[in-house]
Amino acid sequence: MKALIQRVSHASVVVDQHCIGKIDHGILAYIGLGHEDSLQTAQRMIDKILAYRIFENDEDPAKVGKLDKNVQQVCGGLLLVSQFTLMAKTDKGRRPDFGGAMAPDAAQVLFAQLIDYANTQHHNVATGQFGADMQVASVNDGPLNFLLEV
């Protein structure tokens, strides 16, 4: 499983001209699911995202400007978007190979489980729509982007 996370000032997902998910200050996370991923993998990824310290500590004078707080500590939002293209192999040729991505039916079930778990762990979770043509808008704060793997 891979997650491309971005610290954002705000982010939203639109499907068929309707906003289906949005957050203010927080993390936009694109999630790629592979063949070997499971509920346990998904739970570890959510735990890692929520604990990942990518927000500055403005309260402790010794840590001002340092990436010392996680999204929960700053009361930020978490926007989860399924993104099978993260699993593409790009090391050969000029066309991505998506063979590493989980099959859509299984991925849809696991992504729903990932969302359910995220909602039990964090108070402000929004999502895209699995398999839909989504327009994702965000303002990257930093910019800060990290590729996480579990």
Protein backbone atom coordinates (compact mmCIF):
# COMPACT_ATOMS: atom_id res chain seq x y z
CA MET A 1 0.00 0.00 0.00
CA LYS A 2 1.19 3.46 -0.85
CA ALA A 3 -0.08 6.86 0.19
CA LEU A 4 0.96 10.17 -1.28
CA ILE A 5 0.16 12.69 1.42
CA GLN A 6 0.12 16.45 1.07
CA ARG A 7 -0.18 19.06 3.78
CA VAL A 8 -2.92 21.38 2.52
CA SER A 9 -4.55 24.66 3.46
CA HIS A 10 -7.74 23.22 1.99
CA ALA A 11 -8.79 20.49 -0.45
CA SER A 12 -11.97 19.24 -2.08
CA VAL A 13 -13.28 16.52 -4.38
CA VAL A 14 -15.97 17.16 -6.98
CA VAL A 15 -17.90 14.44 -8.84
CA ASP A 16 -20.51 15.36 -11.47
CA GLN A 17 -20.28 19.02 -10.44
CA HIS A 18 -21.10 18.20 -6.79
CA CYS A 19 -18.62 18.61 -3.97
CA ILE A 20 -18.57 15.25 -2.19
CA GLY A 21 -15.71 15.84 0.22
CA LYS A 22 -13.71 18.77 1.51
CA ILE A 23 -11.39 19.73 4.32
CA ASP A 24 -9.73 22.86 5.51
CA HIS A 25 -6.22 22.71 7.00
CA GLY A 26 -5.03 19.10 7.07
CA ILE A 27 -3.86 16.21 4.89
CA LEU A 28 -4.94 15.18 1.41
CA ALA A 29 -4.02 11.49 1.06
CA TYR A 30 -4.05 9.62 -2.24
CA ILE A 31 -4.20 5.88 -1.46
CA GLY A 32 -2.91 3.13 -3.76
CA LEU A 33 -3.87 -0.46 -2.99
CA GLY A 34 -1.75 -3.43 -4.11
CA HIS A 35 -2.47 -7.15 -4.49
CA GLU A 36 -1.10 -8.11 -1.08
CA ASP A 37 -2.86 -5.40 0.92
CA SER A 38 -5.37 -6.27 3.64
CA LEU A 39 -7.43 -4.65 6.37
CA GLN A 40 -4.38 -4.82 8.64
CA THR A 41 -2.28 -3.02 6.01
CA ALA A 42 -4.98 -0.37 5.67
CA GLN A 43 -5.14 0.15 9.42
CA ARG A 44 -1.35 0.51 9.64
CA MET A 45 -1.43 3.07 6.83
CA ILE A 46 -4.15 5.17 8.50
CA ASP A 47 -2.28 5.00 11.81
CA LYS A 48 0.91 6.12 10.06
CA ILE A 49 -0.80 9.01 8.25
CA LEU A 50 -2.48 10.24 11.42
CA ALA A 51 0.76 10.06 13.42
CA TYR A 52 3.06 11.50 10.73
CA ARG A 53 4.47 14.80 11.96
CA ILE A 54 4.26 17.31 9.10
CA PHE A 55 2.87 20.34 10.90
CA GLU A 56 4.92 23.02 12.64
CA ASN A 57 5.00 23.45 16.37
CA ASP A 58 4.23 27.11 17.01
CA GLU A 59 3.70 26.67 20.75
CA ASP A 60 7.07 25.44 22.03
CA PRO A 61 9.74 28.15 21.55
CA ALA A 62 12.42 25.47 21.20
CA LYS A 63 10.53 23.81 18.34
CA VAL A 64 9.07 26.77 16.40
CA GLY A 65 9.21 26.05 12.68
CA LYS A 66 10.01 22.36 13.15
CA LEU A 67 7.75 19.63 11.81
CA ASP A 68 6.69 18.36 15.19
CA LYS A 69 2.90 17.86 15.17
CA ASN A 70 0.57 15.44 13.45
CA VAL A 71 -2.83 16.12 11.90
CA GLN A 72 -4.68 15.14 15.06
CA GLN A 73 -2.64 17.52 17.20
CA VAL A 74 -3.50 20.45 14.93
CA CYS A 75 -7.19 19.42 14.64
CA GLY A 76 -6.80 19.10 10.88
CA GLY A 77 -8.93 17.29 8.34
CA LEU A 78 -8.10 14.11 6.42
CA LEU A 79 -9.28 13.78 2.82
CA LEU A 80 -8.85 10.22 1.46
CA VAL A 81 -8.85 9.64 -2.31
CA SER A 82 -8.41 6.23 -3.93
CA GLN A 83 -5.59 6.41 -6.51
CA PHE A 84 -4.68 3.13 -8.22
CA THR A 85 -2.08 4.87 -10.39
CA LEU A 86 0.23 5.08 -7.36
CA MET A 87 0.80 1.35 -7.83
CA ALA A 88 2.05 1.75 -11.42
CA LYS A 89 5.45 0.40 -12.39
CA THR A 90 7.28 3.11 -14.31
CA ASP A 91 10.82 1.79 -14.48
CA LYS A 92 10.60 0.49 -18.06
CA GLY A 93 9.21 1.91 -21.25
CA ARG A 94 7.02 4.95 -21.72
CA ARG A 95 3.70 3.58 -20.52
CA PRO A 96 2.80 2.81 -16.89
CA ASP A 97 2.15 -0.81 -15.95
CA PHE A 98 -0.82 -1.04 -13.58
CA GLY A 99 -0.40 -4.77 -12.89
CA GLY A 100 0.58 -4.05 -9.29
CA ALA A 101 -2.78 -2.50 -8.44
CA MET A 102 -5.44 -4.49 -6.62
CA ALA A 103 -8.43 -5.57 -8.75
CA PRO A 104 -11.19 -2.92 -8.65
CA ASP A 105 -13.84 -5.03 -6.87
CA ALA A 106 -11.50 -6.06 -4.06
CA ALA A 107 -9.98 -2.56 -3.88
CA GLN A 108 -13.41 -0.97 -3.48
CA VAL A 109 -14.17 -3.19 -0.49
CA LEU A 110 -10.77 -2.57 1.13
CA PHE A 111 -10.95 1.18 0.52
CA ALA A 112 -14.38 1.27 2.22
CA GLN A 113 -12.88 -0.60 5.19
CA LEU A 114 -9.98 1.88 5.27
CA ILE A 115 -12.46 4.77 5.42
CA ASP A 116 -14.44 3.08 8.19
CA TYR A 117 -11.28 2.60 10.23
CA ALA A 118 -10.16 6.20 9.60
CA ASN A 119 -13.51 7.43 10.93
CA THR A 120 -12.99 5.50 14.16
CA GLN A 121 -9.54 7.05 14.62
CA HIS A 122 -10.09 10.68 13.58
CA HIS A 123 -12.93 13.15 13.93
CA ASN A 124 -12.66 14.93 10.56
CA VAL A 125 -12.49 12.51 7.60
CA ALA A 126 -13.74 13.24 4.09
CA THR A 127 -13.42 11.06 0.98
CA GLY A 128 -13.58 10.94 -2.75
CA GLN A 129 -15.74 8.40 -4.57
CA PHE A 130 -14.12 5.11 -5.51
CA GLY A 131 -13.86 4.61 -9.27
CA ALA A 132 -15.44 7.96 -10.15
CA ASP A 133 -14.03 10.64 -12.42
CA MET A 134 -13.01 13.08 -9.68
CA GLN A 135 -11.77 16.62 -9.84
CA VAL A 136 -9.48 17.14 -6.86
CA ALA A 137 -8.56 20.70 -5.93
CA SER A 138 -6.08 21.59 -3.23
CA VAL A 139 -3.74 24.26 -2.01
CA ASN A 140 -0.54 22.52 -0.99
CA ASP A 141 0.84 24.14 2.16
CA GLY A 142 4.62 24.27 2.01
CA PRO A 143 4.62 22.54 -0.41
CA LEU A 144 4.99 19.34 1.57
CA ASN A 145 4.48 15.93 -0.07
CA PHE A 146 5.50 12.53 1.26
CA LEU A 147 5.19 9.04 -0.21
CA LEU A 148 4.39 6.56 2.57
CA GLU A 149 4.50 2.79 2.21
CA VAL A 150 3.44 -0.02 4.52
